[in-house]
Each structure stands twice: as C-alpha cells, then as structure tokens.
Amino acid sequence: MNLQQIRYFIAICKEKNFTRAARSCRVTQPSLTSAIQRLEREVGGDLFVRSSPIQLSLLGKELRPLFLRMSQVAERARRVAAKHATARHLPPRLRTSGSVEHRL
C-alpha cells in the first residue's frame, strides 16, 4: 500500500467516477485503475461497487476514514519537512530549534 494509491482512492470517492478521478490526479485512467486493483488485492477485497455512479463497498466505507487520516498525516509530514528544509537555508542566527529561549 502506498500514498499514491490512497490518493487515487480518495479522488474516486470524491469524483464517483474513475475517468474523472484519473483526470483530477493527472494520470491515465488505466494507471489509476491498476493502482486501485493492486490496493484491493493488498487489502483483500473490493473497495468500490463498480456501478454508475461508483459507490464504496462495505470494505471501502470502513477504510475510507483511515485512508483520509493517512493522507492528512502525510501532508502534515510534508509541511514539517518543507519548513525544516527552508530553515536550513537561513543564516545560523535566524534558525530556531523547536523552542525559543527568551532572555531579558
């Protein structure tokens, strides 16, 4: 399981259509479908009921909040990493560790 597959899952939930989800993720529909099929094999069942519009399966409904949380945590980790990468380029006197000492 990887974050890209989870991102695709979330896009399908939002768009309720594989083609539109692929477009919003800027990938081809076959690439998105393959990634979802790999994810389904890994979790041991179908995540979607392939109808029009797409609906979540029982497994998909149960995993959706977990996948959303994983995506949010990954985004937060990216922001923290970006903040630290930016801080490395500051002059030493402007860098801070996690806390700031106040001296009067």
Protein backbone atom coordinates (compact mmCIF):
# COMPACT_ATOMS: atom_id res chain seq x y z
CA MET A 1 0.00 0.00 0.00
CA ASN A 2 1.34 3.42 -0.83
CA LEU A 3 0.18 7.01 -0.52
CA GLN A 4 -0.37 7.35 -4.27
CA GLN A 5 -2.92 4.52 -4.18
CA ILE A 6 -4.62 6.17 -1.22
CA ARG A 7 -4.69 9.48 -3.08
CA TYR A 8 -6.36 7.75 -6.03
CA PHE A 9 -8.89 6.09 -3.70
CA ILE A 10 -9.79 9.48 -2.20
CA ALA A 11 -10.14 11.02 -5.67
CA ILE A 12 -12.51 8.26 -6.77
CA CYS A 13 -14.58 8.79 -3.61
CA LYS A 14 -14.83 12.48 -4.45
CA GLU A 15 -15.45 12.19 -8.18
CA LYS A 16 -17.53 8.97 -8.09
CA ASN A 17 -16.02 8.14 -11.47
CA PHE A 18 -12.68 6.54 -12.40
CA THR A 19 -12.12 8.69 -15.50
CA ARG A 20 -12.76 11.98 -13.70
CA ALA A 21 -10.65 10.84 -10.75
CA ALA A 22 -7.78 10.00 -13.08
CA ARG A 23 -8.07 13.42 -14.68
CA SER A 24 -8.02 15.15 -11.29
CA CYS A 25 -4.93 13.13 -10.31
CA ARG A 26 -3.32 13.87 -13.69
CA VAL A 27 -2.83 10.22 -14.61
CA THR A 28 -4.37 7.97 -17.21
CA GLN A 29 -7.46 6.04 -16.28
CA PRO A 30 -5.74 2.65 -16.83
CA SER A 31 -2.92 3.70 -14.46
CA LEU A 32 -5.41 4.72 -11.78
CA THR A 33 -7.42 1.52 -12.24
CA SER A 34 -4.28 -0.65 -11.97
CA ALA A 35 -3.21 1.12 -8.79
CA ILE A 36 -6.66 0.62 -7.24
CA GLN A 37 -6.68 -3.06 -8.24
CA ARG A 38 -3.29 -3.53 -6.54
CA LEU A 39 -4.62 -1.78 -3.44
CA GLU A 40 -7.71 -4.01 -3.47
CA ARG A 41 -5.54 -7.14 -3.69
CA GLU A 42 -3.49 -5.89 -0.77
CA VAL A 43 -6.48 -5.13 1.47
CA GLY A 44 -8.22 -8.33 0.42
CA GLY A 45 -11.39 -7.10 -1.22
CA ASP A 46 -13.17 -4.66 -3.49
CA LEU A 47 -13.16 -1.05 -2.32
CA PHE A 48 -15.84 0.04 -4.79
CA VAL A 49 -19.05 -1.24 -6.26
CA ARG A 50 -18.45 -0.60 -9.94
CA SER A 51 -21.75 0.97 -10.91
CA SER A 52 -22.72 4.37 -12.17
CA PRO A 53 -22.01 6.37 -10.12
CA ILE A 54 -19.25 4.46 -8.32
CA GLN A 55 -20.13 3.55 -4.76
CA LEU A 56 -17.99 2.42 -1.86
CA SER A 57 -18.17 -1.23 -0.88
CA LEU A 58 -18.55 -2.12 2.79
CA LEU A 59 -14.75 -2.53 2.98
CA GLY A 60 -14.26 0.81 1.23
CA LYS A 61 -16.61 2.52 3.69
CA GLU A 62 -14.67 1.11 6.61
CA LEU A 63 -11.25 2.02 5.19
CA ARG A 64 -12.17 5.50 3.91
CA PRO A 65 -11.72 7.34 7.25
CA LEU A 66 -8.40 5.57 7.80
CA PHE A 67 -7.17 6.44 4.30
CA LEU A 68 -8.27 10.06 4.75
CA ARG A 69 -6.34 10.25 8.02
CA MET A 70 -3.25 8.68 6.42
CA SER A 71 -3.40 11.25 3.63
CA GLN A 72 -3.73 14.11 6.14
CA VAL A 73 -0.81 12.84 8.22
CA ALA A 74 1.35 12.51 5.10
CA GLU A 75 0.51 16.08 4.07
CA ARG A 76 1.37 17.33 7.55
CA ALA A 77 4.71 15.48 7.40
CA ARG A 78 5.46 17.13 4.04
CA ARG A 79 4.77 20.58 5.53
CA VAL A 80 7.02 19.90 8.53
CA ALA A 81 9.79 18.64 6.25
CA ALA A 82 9.43 21.69 3.97
CA LYS A 83 9.64 24.01 6.96
CA HIS A 84 12.86 22.36 8.09
CA ALA A 85 14.31 22.40 4.59
CA THR A 86 13.64 26.14 4.41
CA ALA A 87 15.19 26.70 7.85
CA ARG A 88 18.44 25.02 6.73
CA HIS A 89 18.94 27.82 4.23
CA LEU A 90 18.62 30.59 6.81
CA PRO A 91 21.68 32.17 8.39
CA PRO A 92 22.53 30.37 11.68
CA ARG A 93 21.41 33.26 13.90
CA LEU A 94 17.90 33.12 12.36
CA ARG A 95 17.42 29.38 12.81
CA THR A 96 15.45 28.07 15.73
CA SER A 97 15.12 24.64 17.18
CA GLY A 98 11.67 23.54 18.28
CA SER A 99 11.63 26.06 21.10
CA VAL A 100 12.72 29.65 21.52
CA GLU A 101 14.51 30.93 24.60
CA HIS A 102 13.58 34.36 25.84
CA ARG A 103 16.30 36.24 27.62
CA LEU A 104 15.67 39.55 29.28
